[in-house]
């Protein structure tokens, strides 16, 4: 990557001019104004601050020691001490060649070769239809997996389906006490799936309207299930089988990459008892008077971590401990990432601390990658409250809105249905991915499905427009040639050169919006270009061929970048 090469050039100069100081951490960023170059380094200001000297003098010293380099056209110093780099024509040529030589793998690297990353996301629950609250986990996780794969990592995704726990006590209690008159076996699988969710909601309402002991009855149903009760196991397996098929269809409709670990929490059933025994043997955990097993973390501000409840039932925390142990033993992961919303931060702090006390391998490499809370204008999303917009509903609505827009703008489009599917889903995904993952989001139809400004359809349309120009140009693409790029063309090519860096930056903090924002910036430059540079009407043959190369590289970069976000790039719109 160009940025890393420039960084090494800077380090060499700093070592020569300032041998007595530790190598400083400095940034190489894109200046806000193109007049200040393609990259700006703040190294001189960092050094001057620690050395108590003039940053402009430090910058001049560093600049003077930088040798001639094939990537650098010129270097300028700007107040209060920035070192600004302008890329050479050779650097720009290399960027175009990189994008065009292998467009389907543009931006890839082998930096992650030999390293396995586990990414847990889209943690759906049995008997609950996926809703818009699950979109964040699904599409952020899928984008991260795609980017990890592009950098040579072995990326393993895990749904960690919620098929165990107290919720099943509630379902079993409801099925036995509220649903006996319904002939469930004659319903279709889709009908059963919806009915199970209705049952869960209705049972919660019933339990809330009854004395507390009724909820205890529901908890006992799960305890019976965990102890192997034949009737409860049979009902549970039926609910799981129906639900898993529907959940797989939801993942497919969202366009998610296949999951390597598509397991429910129940998979860890036989792996939990040894953990409890180990915790008790090590005196990390203790039994309470009512029979629960806890790890007391109150002195660390983490409260009591419950491994098993008083009725012997396991907890989410215990299952997550079993998960860490299983993943490290079976995948020997380099990173183990949990993409779960911010409300679970306390839970994961407890999990990681207990795992550390138990001496589990892989704790230091396990991270909670939290994301902000998605809500509706009316408030929080809750299956128990029946306050949800289903995933199926939101995707259908997105596709329908896309069909309407496409019919208005291009009624003769050949594959209008297929393009509407790509555009509608792209709008939904980009709406989320353009936000920082830590941001809270209020879901609103008009905002999520906008086809203007910083949106998925805007990027998709830009790509389609560029491909249309290329179809009109035919085979006129050629080498860079002797054409000297004008300032806008220079900016576009320099932006293309930064595509691999945008992936690196997105993975550094697990923020797909970094890549999304990069693509939006490139799309804006492309739109400015084809409005001010009518390529098909260019009379100078060399310029025309060069601009065809430029357009091809932009289209390839947009297509590849959108793919890494899990978004299709239509050839026509």
Protein backbone atom coordinates (compact mmCIF):
# COMPACT_ATOMS: atom_id res chain seq x y z
CA UNK A 1 0.00 0.00 0.00
CA UNK A 2 1.18 3.49 -0.85
CA UNK A 3 0.55 4.81 2.65
CA UNK A 4 2.77 2.18 4.24
CA UNK A 5 5.56 2.81 1.73
CA UNK A 6 5.44 6.52 2.51
CA UNK A 7 5.43 5.72 6.21
CA UNK A 8 8.64 3.68 5.81
CA UNK A 9 10.23 6.53 3.85
CA UNK A 10 9.35 8.88 6.71
CA UNK A 11 10.75 6.50 9.32
CA UNK A 12 14.05 6.28 7.46
CA UNK A 13 14.34 10.05 7.37
CA UNK A 14 13.44 10.41 11.06
CA UNK A 15 16.02 7.79 12.05
CA UNK A 16 18.66 9.70 10.10
CA UNK A 17 17.83 13.17 11.41
CA UNK A 18 16.69 12.33 14.94
CA UNK A 19 18.60 9.19 15.97
CA UNK A 20 18.34 9.94 19.67
CA UNK A 21 14.54 9.81 19.97
CA UNK A 22 12.16 6.81 19.96
CA UNK A 23 10.29 6.42 16.69
CA UNK A 24 7.10 8.47 17.14
CA UNK A 25 3.59 7.32 16.29
CA UNK A 26 2.42 9.60 13.52
CA UNK A 27 -0.45 9.73 11.06
CA UNK A 28 -0.53 9.86 7.28
CA UNK A 29 -3.95 11.25 6.48
CA UNK A 30 -5.74 12.60 3.42
CA UNK A 31 -5.79 16.42 3.58
CA UNK A 32 -9.17 18.11 3.45
CA UNK A 33 -7.99 20.30 0.58
CA UNK A 34 -6.39 18.65 -2.50
CA UNK A 35 -4.08 21.66 -2.71
CA UNK A 36 -2.26 20.19 0.30
CA UNK A 37 -1.37 16.99 -1.50
CA UNK A 38 -2.50 13.38 -1.40
CA UNK A 39 -1.16 12.57 2.08
CA UNK A 40 -0.20 14.77 5.03
CA UNK A 41 2.08 13.57 7.85
CA UNK A 42 2.06 15.08 11.34
CA UNK A 43 5.38 13.48 12.40
CA UNK A 44 7.20 16.80 12.73
CA UNK A 45 4.66 18.14 15.21
CA UNK A 46 4.82 14.95 17.28
CA UNK A 47 8.63 15.13 17.41
CA UNK A 48 8.68 18.88 18.10
CA UNK A 49 6.31 18.49 21.03
CA UNK A 50 8.55 15.98 22.80
CA UNK A 51 11.79 17.76 21.80
CA UNK A 52 10.45 21.24 22.65
CA UNK A 53 11.48 22.66 19.30
CA UNK A 54 9.95 24.35 16.24
CA UNK A 55 7.80 21.89 14.23
CA UNK A 56 8.44 23.76 10.95
CA UNK A 57 12.20 23.27 11.40
CA UNK A 58 11.68 19.60 12.23
CA UNK A 59 9.53 19.21 9.10
CA UNK A 60 12.21 20.81 6.91
CA UNK A 61 14.85 18.49 8.38
CA UNK A 62 12.73 15.41 7.72
CA UNK A 63 11.91 16.57 4.21
CA UNK A 64 15.57 17.21 3.44
CA UNK A 65 16.51 13.65 4.34
CA UNK A 66 13.81 11.98 2.21
CA UNK A 67 15.46 10.52 -0.90
CA UNK A 68 13.99 10.58 -4.37
CA UNK A 69 11.22 7.99 -4.51
CA UNK A 70 9.14 6.60 -7.35
CA UNK A 71 5.87 7.28 -5.51
CA UNK A 72 6.59 10.92 -4.75
CA UNK A 73 6.21 13.77 -7.23
CA UNK A 74 6.98 16.50 -4.68
CA UNK A 75 6.92 17.29 -0.96
CA UNK A 76 5.75 20.53 0.61
CA UNK A 77 5.79 21.85 4.16
CA UNK A 78 2.68 23.56 5.53
CA UNK A 79 2.03 25.29 8.84
CA UNK A 80 2.11 24.38 11.63
CA UNK A 81 4.44 21.55 10.52
CA UNK A 82 2.65 19.19 8.14
CA UNK A 83 4.69 17.30 5.57
CA UNK A 84 2.53 17.03 2.44
CA UNK A 85 3.15 14.38 -0.21
CA UNK A 86 2.01 14.62 -3.83
CA UNK A 87 1.88 11.29 -5.67
CA UNK A 88 3.84 10.77 -8.86
CA UNK A 89 2.40 9.76 -12.21
CA UNK A 90 4.01 6.35 -11.73
CA UNK A 91 2.14 5.88 -8.44
CA UNK A 92 -1.12 6.77 -10.15
CA UNK A 93 -0.41 4.38 -13.03
CA UNK A 94 0.23 1.61 -10.53
CA UNK A 95 -3.10 2.25 -8.81
CA UNK A 96 -5.02 2.06 -12.07
CA UNK A 97 -3.20 -1.11 -13.06
CA UNK A 98 -3.97 -2.70 -9.70
CA UNK A 99 -7.69 -2.02 -9.99
CA UNK A 100 -7.92 -3.25 -13.59
CA UNK A 101 -5.61 -6.26 -13.55
CA UNK A 102 -7.76 -8.31 -11.17
CA UNK A 103 -10.99 -6.36 -10.48
CA UNK A 104 -12.63 -9.22 -8.57
CA UNK A 105 -9.76 -9.37 -6.08
CA UNK A 106 -8.75 -5.70 -6.07
CA UNK A 107 -7.74 -4.62 -2.58
CA UNK A 108 -6.80 -8.08 -1.36
CA UNK A 109 -3.70 -8.88 0.66
CA UNK A 110 -2.18 -11.81 2.55
CA UNK A 111 -1.63 -9.90 5.79
CA UNK A 112 -3.96 -12.31 7.59
CA UNK A 113 -2.52 -15.53 6.18
CA UNK A 114 -2.40 -18.24 8.81
CA UNK A 115 -4.69 -16.37 11.23
CA UNK A 116 -8.23 -17.46 12.07
CA UNK A 117 -10.87 -14.93 13.08
CA UNK A 118 -14.18 -16.06 14.56
CA UNK A 119 -17.00 -13.58 14.00
CA UNK A 120 -20.25 -14.24 15.83
CA UNK A 121 -23.29 -12.41 14.47
CA UNK A 122 -26.97 -12.72 13.49
CA UNK A 123 -27.71 -14.49 16.78
CA UNK A 124 -31.34 -15.32 16.10
CA UNK A 125 -33.65 -17.03 18.54
CA UNK A 126 -35.76 -20.09 17.91
CA UNK A 127 -39.49 -19.35 17.55
CA UNK A 128 -38.86 -15.65 16.98
CA UNK A 129 -38.97 -14.19 13.50
CA UNK A 130 -35.95 -12.07 12.55
CA UNK A 131 -36.80 -8.36 12.71
CA UNK A 132 -35.13 -5.07 11.86
CA UNK A 133 -33.29 -5.15 15.18
CA UNK A 134 -31.32 -8.13 13.85
CA UNK A 135 -30.22 -6.28 10.69
CA UNK A 136 -27.33 -4.50 12.40
CA UNK A 137 -25.65 -7.65 13.65
CA UNK A 138 -26.23 -9.50 10.37
CA UNK A 139 -24.94 -6.98 7.88
CA UNK A 140 -22.11 -5.54 9.98
CA UNK A 141 -20.91 -9.06 10.74
CA UNK A 142 -21.17 -10.17 7.12
CA UNK A 143 -19.24 -7.10 5.94
CA UNK A 144 -16.49 -7.74 8.47
CA UNK A 145 -16.25 -11.38 7.41
CA UNK A 146 -15.94 -10.37 3.74
CA UNK A 147 -13.20 -7.87 4.56
CA UNK A 148 -11.30 -10.36 6.71
CA UNK A 149 -11.42 -12.89 3.88
CA UNK A 150 -10.12 -10.26 1.46
CA UNK A 151 -7.04 -9.80 3.64
CA UNK A 152 -6.13 -13.47 3.73
CA UNK A 153 -7.62 -14.39 7.11
CA UNK A 154 -9.50 -17.61 7.69
CA UNK A 155 -12.81 -16.01 8.66
CA UNK A 156 -15.24 -18.28 10.51
CA UNK A 157 -18.77 -17.01 11.10
CA UNK A 158 -20.97 -18.36 13.87
CA UNK A 159 -24.70 -17.66 14.27
CA UNK A 160 -24.79 -18.97 17.86
CA UNK A 161 -28.55 -19.49 17.59
CA UNK A 162 -30.55 -19.06 20.78
CA UNK A 163 -32.15 -22.49 21.14
CA UNK A 164 -31.65 -22.94 24.89
CA UNK A 165 -32.59 -21.06 28.02
CA UNK A 166 -35.57 -19.73 29.95
CA UNK A 167 -37.39 -18.62 26.79
CA UNK A 168 -37.98 -22.30 26.04
CA UNK A 169 -39.52 -22.77 29.44
CA UNK A 170 -41.93 -19.99 28.49
CA UNK A 171 -42.67 -21.61 25.11
CA UNK A 172 -43.14 -25.07 26.59
CA UNK A 173 -45.40 -23.73 29.31
CA UNK A 174 -47.41 -21.80 26.74
CA UNK A 175 -47.71 -24.74 24.36
CA UNK A 176 -48.92 -27.04 27.13
CA UNK A 177 -51.32 -24.56 28.70
CA UNK A 178 -52.44 -22.10 26.02
CA UNK A 179 -52.24 -23.91 22.68
CA UNK A 180 -53.67 -27.35 23.24
CA UNK A 181 -56.83 -26.74 21.20
CA UNK A 182 -54.98 -25.76 18.04
CA UNK A 183 -54.08 -28.44 15.52
CA UNK A 184 -50.50 -27.28 15.00
CA UNK A 185 -49.44 -30.38 13.10
CA UNK A 186 -51.66 -29.46 10.13
CA UNK A 187 -50.11 -25.99 9.74
CA UNK A 188 -47.40 -25.32 7.19
CA UNK A 189 -43.87 -24.78 8.51
CA UNK A 190 -44.11 -21.04 7.86
CA UNK A 191 -47.44 -20.91 9.70
CA UNK A 192 -45.97 -22.86 12.61
CA UNK A 193 -43.01 -20.49 12.83
CA UNK A 194 -45.32 -17.49 13.04
CA UNK A 195 -47.57 -19.28 15.52
CA UNK A 196 -44.64 -20.04 17.81
CA UNK A 197 -43.75 -16.36 17.96
CA UNK A 198 -47.38 -15.47 18.69
CA UNK A 199 -47.39 -18.12 21.41
CA UNK A 200 -44.26 -16.66 22.98
CA UNK A 201 -45.81 -13.17 23.03
CA UNK A 202 -49.18 -14.38 24.34
CA UNK A 203 -47.54 -16.50 27.04
CA UNK A 204 -45.46 -13.56 28.27
CA UNK A 205 -48.59 -11.42 28.48
CA UNK A 206 -50.37 -14.18 30.38
CA UNK A 207 -47.45 -14.62 32.80
CA UNK A 208 -47.26 -10.90 33.46
CA UNK A 209 -50.96 -10.82 34.29
CA UNK A 210 -50.67 -13.71 36.73
CA UNK A 211 -48.91 -14.05 40.09
CA UNK A 212 -45.09 -14.52 40.03
CA UNK A 213 -45.34 -18.23 40.75
CA UNK A 214 -46.69 -18.78 37.23
CA UNK A 215 -43.39 -17.56 35.75
CA UNK A 216 -41.63 -19.97 38.08
CA UNK A 217 -43.66 -22.75 36.46
CA UNK A 218 -42.27 -21.69 33.07
CA UNK A 219 -38.72 -21.73 34.43
CA UNK A 220 -39.30 -25.24 35.73
CA UNK A 221 -40.26 -26.37 32.22
CA UNK A 222 -36.79 -25.35 30.99
CA UNK A 223 -35.16 -27.06 33.97
CA UNK A 224 -37.04 -30.23 33.00
CA UNK A 225 -35.85 -29.83 29.41
CA UNK A 226 -32.25 -29.47 30.55
CA UNK A 227 -32.57 -32.58 32.71
CA UNK A 228 -33.68 -34.58 29.66
CA UNK A 229 -37.46 -34.78 30.11
CA UNK A 230 -38.66 -36.83 27.10
CA UNK A 231 -41.81 -34.82 26.36
CA UNK A 232 -40.06 -31.46 26.61
CA UNK A 233 -37.13 -32.67 24.48
CA UNK A 234 -39.51 -33.82 21.75
CA UNK A 235 -41.41 -30.52 21.70
CA UNK A 236 -38.16 -28.54 21.82
CA UNK A 237 -36.65 -30.45 18.87
CA UNK A 238 -39.77 -29.83 16.80
CA UNK A 239 -39.62 -26.09 17.52
CA UNK A 240 -35.91 -26.01 16.67
CA UNK A 241 -36.29 -27.89 13.38
CA UNK A 242 -39.08 -25.62 12.15
CA UNK A 243 -37.27 -22.47 13.24
CA UNK A 244 -33.81 -23.32 11.90
CA UNK A 245 -35.13 -23.76 8.38
CA UNK A 246 -36.79 -20.35 8.50
CA UNK A 247 -33.71 -18.72 9.97
CA UNK A 248 -31.53 -20.15 7.20
CA UNK A 249 -33.93 -18.73 4.61
CA UNK A 250 -33.70 -15.32 6.27
CA UNK A 251 -29.90 -15.38 6.09
CA UNK A 252 -30.10 -16.38 2.43
CA UNK A 253 -32.52 -13.59 1.61
CA UNK A 254 -30.20 -11.09 3.28
CA UNK A 255 -27.41 -12.34 1.03
CA UNK A 256 -25.14 -13.37 3.91
CA UNK A 257 -22.12 -15.57 3.26
CA UNK A 258 -22.57 -19.15 4.52
CA UNK A 259 -21.89 -19.80 8.20
CA UNK A 260 -19.15 -22.25 9.14
CA UNK A 261 -20.58 -22.63 12.64
CA UNK A 262 -24.37 -22.79 12.45
CA UNK A 263 -24.99 -24.16 15.92
CA UNK A 264 -27.45 -23.49 18.67
CA UNK A 265 -26.52 -22.86 22.28
CA UNK A 266 -27.78 -26.38 23.03
CA UNK A 267 -24.65 -27.73 21.31
CA UNK A 268 -22.71 -26.76 24.43
CA UNK A 269 -25.01 -28.67 26.81
CA UNK A 270 -22.50 -31.41 27.61
CA UNK A 271 -19.63 -28.94 27.84
CA UNK A 272 -21.05 -26.86 30.68
CA UNK A 273 -20.99 -29.23 33.68
CA UNK A 274 -17.17 -29.64 33.56
CA UNK A 275 -16.83 -25.85 33.65
CA UNK A 276 -18.99 -25.56 36.74
CA UNK A 277 -17.02 -28.34 38.41
CA UNK A 278 -13.73 -26.65 37.50
CA UNK A 279 -14.92 -23.32 38.89
CA UNK A 280 -15.93 -24.98 42.16
CA UNK A 281 -12.70 -27.00 42.40
CA UNK A 282 -10.61 -23.87 41.88
CA UNK A 283 -12.77 -22.07 44.45
CA UNK A 284 -13.50 -19.43 41.84
CA UNK A 285 -17.21 -20.16 42.22
CA UNK A 286 -19.38 -20.99 45.21
CA UNK A 287 -22.81 -22.40 45.86
CA UNK A 288 -25.35 -20.08 47.39
CA UNK A 289 -27.85 -21.11 50.06
CA UNK A 290 -30.56 -21.62 47.43
CA UNK A 291 -28.32 -23.89 45.29
CA UNK A 292 -27.17 -21.48 42.59
CA UNK A 293 -23.52 -21.44 41.53
CA UNK A 294 -21.98 -17.97 41.25
CA UNK A 295 -18.66 -16.22 40.79
CA UNK A 296 -18.54 -13.17 43.03
CA UNK A 297 -17.09 -10.27 41.03
CA UNK A 298 -18.60 -7.50 43.14
CA UNK A 299 -15.19 -6.32 44.33
CA UNK A 300 -14.34 -5.64 40.68
CA UNK A 301 -17.58 -3.80 40.01
CA UNK A 302 -18.96 -6.66 37.91
CA UNK A 303 -21.62 -8.01 40.33
CA UNK A 304 -22.25 -11.71 40.77
CA UNK A 305 -21.78 -13.86 37.67
CA UNK A 306 -24.32 -16.69 37.77
CA UNK A 307 -23.22 -20.01 36.24
CA UNK A 308 -26.27 -22.07 37.22
CA UNK A 309 -29.56 -20.96 38.76
CA UNK A 310 -31.07 -22.31 41.94
CA UNK A 311 -33.11 -24.85 39.97
CA UNK A 312 -29.95 -26.13 38.27
CA UNK A 313 -30.68 -24.46 34.92
CA UNK A 314 -27.68 -23.08 33.01
CA UNK A 315 -27.23 -19.41 32.09
CA UNK A 316 -26.15 -17.50 29.00
CA UNK A 317 -22.89 -16.78 30.79
CA UNK A 318 -22.11 -20.45 31.31
CA UNK A 319 -22.90 -21.23 27.68
CA UNK A 320 -20.63 -18.41 26.53
CA UNK A 321 -17.82 -19.80 28.66
CA UNK A 322 -18.27 -23.18 26.99
CA UNK A 323 -18.24 -21.42 23.61
CA UNK A 324 -14.87 -19.74 24.19
CA UNK A 325 -13.33 -23.04 25.24
CA UNK A 326 -14.78 -24.90 22.24
CA UNK A 327 -13.73 -22.27 19.71
CA UNK A 328 -10.15 -22.10 20.96
CA UNK A 329 -9.78 -25.87 21.00
CA UNK A 330 -11.38 -26.41 17.59
CA UNK A 331 -10.30 -23.31 15.63
CA UNK A 332 -7.24 -22.01 17.50
CA UNK A 333 -8.46 -18.52 16.72
CA UNK A 334 -6.32 -15.41 16.48
CA UNK A 335 -9.36 -13.26 17.27
CA UNK A 336 -12.76 -14.25 18.68
CA UNK A 337 -15.26 -11.44 18.02
CA UNK A 338 -18.78 -11.14 19.40
CA UNK A 339 -20.90 -8.72 17.39
CA UNK A 340 -23.61 -8.02 19.95
CA UNK A 341 -25.34 -4.77 20.84
CA UNK A 342 -24.02 -2.46 23.51
CA UNK A 343 -26.60 -3.56 26.09
CA UNK A 344 -24.60 -6.77 26.55
CA UNK A 345 -21.34 -5.03 27.52
CA UNK A 346 -21.64 -5.94 31.20
CA UNK A 347 -22.39 -9.56 30.33
CA UNK A 348 -19.24 -9.93 28.22
CA UNK A 349 -17.09 -8.25 30.85
CA UNK A 350 -18.29 -10.95 33.24
CA UNK A 351 -17.72 -13.73 30.70
CA UNK A 352 -14.17 -12.67 29.88
CA UNK A 353 -13.25 -12.13 33.53
CA UNK A 354 -14.57 -15.54 34.64
CA UNK A 355 -12.84 -17.21 31.67
CA UNK A 356 -9.62 -15.49 32.72
CA UNK A 357 -9.98 -16.73 36.30
CA UNK A 358 -10.57 -20.25 34.97
CA UNK A 359 -7.35 -20.02 32.96
CA UNK A 360 -9.00 -20.49 29.56
CA UNK A 361 -6.87 -19.91 26.47
CA UNK A 362 -8.06 -17.24 24.05
CA UNK A 363 -9.56 -14.82 26.57
CA UNK A 364 -7.17 -12.04 25.61
CA UNK A 365 -8.06 -12.50 21.95
CA UNK A 366 -11.82 -12.40 22.62
CA UNK A 367 -13.58 -9.06 22.13
CA UNK A 368 -17.11 -7.73 22.38
CA UNK A 369 -17.63 -5.64 19.23
CA UNK A 370 -20.59 -3.64 20.39
CA UNK A 371 -22.97 -1.75 18.16
CA UNK A 372 -25.58 0.85 18.95
CA UNK A 373 -29.19 0.21 19.71
CA UNK A 374 -31.74 0.24 16.91
CA UNK A 375 -35.19 1.45 17.88
CA UNK A 376 -38.43 2.55 16.28
CA UNK A 377 -39.82 6.09 16.49
CA UNK A 378 -42.32 4.61 18.96
CA UNK A 379 -39.59 3.16 21.17
CA UNK A 380 -37.59 -0.02 21.72
CA UNK A 381 -38.07 -3.12 19.58
CA UNK A 382 -39.38 -6.05 21.63
CA UNK A 383 -40.72 -9.42 20.55
CA UNK A 384 -42.33 -9.85 23.95
CA UNK A 385 -44.22 -6.59 23.45
CA UNK A 386 -45.10 -7.48 19.85
CA UNK A 387 -43.45 -4.23 18.76
CA UNK A 388 -41.45 -5.35 15.72
CA UNK A 389 -41.12 -4.94 11.98
CA UNK A 390 -40.17 -8.34 10.63
CA UNK A 391 -37.10 -8.76 8.46
CA UNK A 392 -39.28 -10.18 5.70
CA UNK A 393 -41.55 -7.14 5.85
CA UNK A 394 -38.74 -4.62 5.68
CA UNK A 395 -37.04 -6.40 2.74
CA UNK A 396 -40.35 -6.66 0.86
CA UNK A 397 -41.02 -2.98 1.44
CA UNK A 398 -37.52 -2.05 0.28
CA UNK A 399 -37.89 -4.03 -2.94
CA UNK A 400 -41.31 -2.55 -3.63
CA UNK A 401 -40.06 1.00 -3.17
CA UNK A 402 -37.11 0.22 -5.45
CA UNK A 403 -39.48 -1.13 -8.13
CA UNK A 404 -41.49 2.09 -8.04
CA UNK A 405 -38.40 4.27 -8.46
CA UNK A 406 -36.97 2.10 -11.25
CA UNK A 407 -40.29 2.14 -13.11
CA UNK A 408 -40.29 5.95 -12.99
CA UNK A 409 -36.65 6.41 -14.01
CA UNK A 410 -36.11 3.53 -16.42
CA UNK A 411 -39.37 1.77 -17.43
CA UNK A 412 -37.56 -0.15 -20.19
CA UNK A 413 -35.03 -1.78 -17.86
CA UNK A 414 -34.74 -5.43 -18.88
CA UNK A 415 -34.39 -7.08 -15.46
CA UNK A 416 -36.38 -4.60 -13.40
CA UNK A 417 -37.38 -7.19 -10.78
CA UNK A 418 -33.82 -8.43 -10.24
CA UNK A 419 -32.39 -4.91 -10.11
CA UNK A 420 -35.12 -3.81 -7.67
CA UNK A 421 -34.13 -6.69 -5.41
CA UNK A 422 -30.46 -5.61 -5.48
CA UNK A 423 -31.27 -1.92 -5.02
CA UNK A 424 -33.81 -2.40 -2.25
CA UNK A 425 -31.57 -4.67 -0.21
CA UNK A 426 -28.58 -2.45 -0.97
CA UNK A 427 -30.48 0.56 0.38
CA UNK A 428 -31.23 -1.24 3.64
CA UNK A 429 -27.69 -2.49 4.12
CA UNK A 430 -25.99 0.77 3.26
CA UNK A 431 -28.33 2.72 5.55
CA UNK A 432 -26.88 0.78 8.45
CA UNK A 433 -23.30 0.44 7.22
CA UNK A 434 -22.93 4.16 6.55
CA UNK A 435 -23.40 4.75 10.30
CA UNK A 436 -20.65 4.09 12.80
CA UNK A 437 -21.45 0.77 14.46
CA UNK A 438 -21.50 2.41 17.90
CA UNK A 439 -24.17 4.91 16.85
CA UNK A 440 -27.75 4.40 17.98
CA UNK A 441 -30.17 4.31 15.05
CA UNK A 442 -33.85 5.16 14.93
CA UNK A 443 -35.31 3.11 12.10
CA UNK A 444 -37.50 5.13 9.75
CA UNK A 445 -38.68 3.96 6.38
CA UNK A 446 -38.02 7.20 4.51
CA UNK A 447 -34.47 7.50 5.80
CA UNK A 448 -33.55 3.84 5.42
CA UNK A 449 -34.86 3.60 1.87
CA UNK A 450 -33.62 6.95 0.58
CA UNK A 451 -32.35 6.92 -2.98
CA UNK A 452 -30.60 10.29 -2.68
CA UNK A 453 -27.31 11.47 -1.20
CA UNK A 454 -25.14 9.11 0.85
CA UNK A 455 -27.12 5.98 0.10
CA UNK A 456 -26.67 2.54 -1.38
CA UNK A 457 -28.71 3.30 -4.51
CA UNK A 458 -26.55 6.39 -5.16
CA UNK A 459 -23.41 4.23 -5.22
CA UNK A 460 -25.13 1.55 -7.28
CA UNK A 461 -26.39 4.11 -9.79
CA UNK A 462 -22.93 5.65 -10.09
CA UNK A 463 -21.49 2.22 -10.89
CA UNK A 464 -24.24 1.52 -13.44
CA UNK A 465 -23.71 4.92 -15.07
CA UNK A 466 -19.98 4.26 -15.44
CA UNK A 467 -20.66 0.84 -16.93
CA UNK A 468 -23.06 2.45 -19.41
CA UNK A 469 -20.34 4.86 -20.54
CA UNK A 470 -17.93 1.97 -20.98
CA UNK A 471 -20.45 0.08 -23.11
CA UNK A 472 -20.71 3.11 -25.39
CA UNK A 473 -16.94 3.37 -25.63
CA UNK A 474 -16.56 -0.28 -26.62
CA UNK A 475 -12.92 -1.40 -26.74
CA UNK A 476 -11.33 2.03 -26.53
CA UNK A 477 -9.54 1.33 -23.27
CA UNK A 478 -5.75 1.42 -23.45
CA UNK A 479 -2.71 2.15 -21.30
CA UNK A 480 -2.23 5.27 -19.19
CA UNK A 481 -0.12 6.63 -22.02
CA UNK A 482 1.40 10.10 -22.13
CA UNK A 483 -1.68 11.88 -20.77
CA UNK A 484 -1.07 14.01 -17.73
CA UNK A 485 -4.11 13.82 -15.43
CA UNK A 486 -5.85 17.10 -14.67
CA UNK A 487 -6.45 17.96 -10.98
CA UNK A 488 -9.81 16.14 -10.78
CA UNK A 489 -8.46 13.06 -12.54
CA UNK A 490 -5.47 13.08 -10.20
CA UNK A 491 -7.79 13.17 -7.18
CA UNK A 492 -9.85 10.27 -8.50
CA UNK A 493 -6.83 8.05 -9.17
CA UNK A 494 -5.31 8.92 -5.81
CA UNK A 495 -8.62 7.93 -4.24
CA UNK A 496 -8.58 4.61 -6.11
CA UNK A 497 -5.06 4.02 -4.76
CA UNK A 498 -6.41 4.39 -1.22
CA UNK A 499 -8.98 1.58 -1.60
CA UNK A 500 -6.80 -1.09 0.09
CA UNK A 501 -6.11 1.38 2.89
CA UNK A 502 -9.83 1.91 3.48
CA UNK A 503 -10.23 -1.83 4.04
CA UNK A 504 -7.29 -1.86 6.44
CA UNK A 505 -8.75 1.09 8.37
CA UNK A 506 -12.22 -0.50 8.50
CA UNK A 507 -10.81 -3.69 10.01
CA UNK A 508 -8.57 -1.82 12.47
CA UNK A 509 -11.61 -0.77 14.51
CA UNK A 510 -14.21 -3.14 13.02
CA UNK A 511 -16.04 -0.21 11.40
CA UNK A 512 -17.51 -0.95 7.95
CA UNK A 513 -18.69 2.67 7.76
CA UNK A 514 -15.03 3.56 7.08
CA UNK A 515 -15.24 1.66 3.80
CA UNK A 516 -18.76 2.94 3.10
CA UNK A 517 -17.65 6.55 3.55
CA UNK A 518 -14.64 5.94 1.30
CA UNK A 519 -16.89 4.57 -1.48
CA UNK A 520 -19.27 7.52 -1.13
CA UNK A 521 -16.37 9.94 -1.53
CA UNK A 522 -15.18 8.10 -4.65
CA UNK A 523 -18.70 8.04 -6.08
CA UNK A 524 -19.03 11.80 -5.58
CA UNK A 525 -15.77 12.37 -7.45
CA UNK A 526 -16.96 10.05 -10.23
CA UNK A 527 -20.22 11.96 -10.56
CA UNK A 528 -18.34 15.24 -10.71
CA UNK A 529 -16.08 13.74 -13.36
CA UNK A 530 -18.67 12.42 -15.80
CA UNK A 531 -20.67 15.64 -15.57
CA UNK A 532 -17.62 17.81 -16.31
CA UNK A 533 -15.74 15.42 -18.65
CA UNK A 534 -18.05 14.11 -21.43
CA UNK A 535 -15.84 11.13 -22.24
CA UNK A 536 -17.78 9.81 -25.22
CA UNK A 537 -17.54 13.22 -26.88
CA UNK A 538 -13.80 13.68 -26.29
CA UNK A 539 -12.02 14.28 -29.62
CA UNK A 540 -8.48 13.73 -28.39
CA UNK A 541 -7.97 9.97 -28.82
CA UNK A 542 -5.28 9.68 -26.12
CA UNK A 543 -7.41 11.50 -23.55
CA UNK A 544 -10.45 9.46 -24.49
CA UNK A 545 -8.59 6.19 -24.00
CA UNK A 546 -7.05 7.36 -20.73
CA UNK A 547 -10.44 8.41 -19.38
CA UNK A 548 -11.90 5.06 -20.36
CA UNK A 549 -9.18 3.43 -18.25
CA UNK A 550 -10.00 5.80 -15.40
CA UNK A 551 -13.73 5.00 -15.55
CA UNK A 552 -13.01 1.27 -15.66
CA UNK A 553 -10.88 1.53 -12.53
CA UNK A 554 -13.51 3.54 -10.66
CA UNK A 555 -16.24 1.07 -11.63
CA UNK A 556 -14.08 -1.87 -10.55
CA UNK A 557 -13.36 -0.22 -7.21
CA UNK A 558 -17.01 0.61 -6.54
CA UNK A 559 -18.09 -2.91 -7.47
CA UNK A 560 -15.45 -4.56 -5.31
CA UNK A 561 -16.09 -2.21 -2.40
CA UNK A 562 -19.83 -2.79 -2.52
CA UNK A 563 -19.25 -6.54 -2.59
CA UNK A 564 -17.19 -6.27 0.61
CA UNK A 565 -20.17 -4.53 2.19
CA UNK A 566 -22.46 -7.31 1.00
CA UNK A 567 -24.13 -5.12 -1.64
CA UNK A 568 -24.63 -5.97 -5.32
CA UNK A 569 -23.51 -3.56 -8.04
CA UNK A 570 -25.98 -3.71 -10.97
CA UNK A 571 -24.64 -3.20 -14.49
CA UNK A 572 -27.78 -1.25 -15.38
CA UNK A 573 -30.33 0.75 -13.40
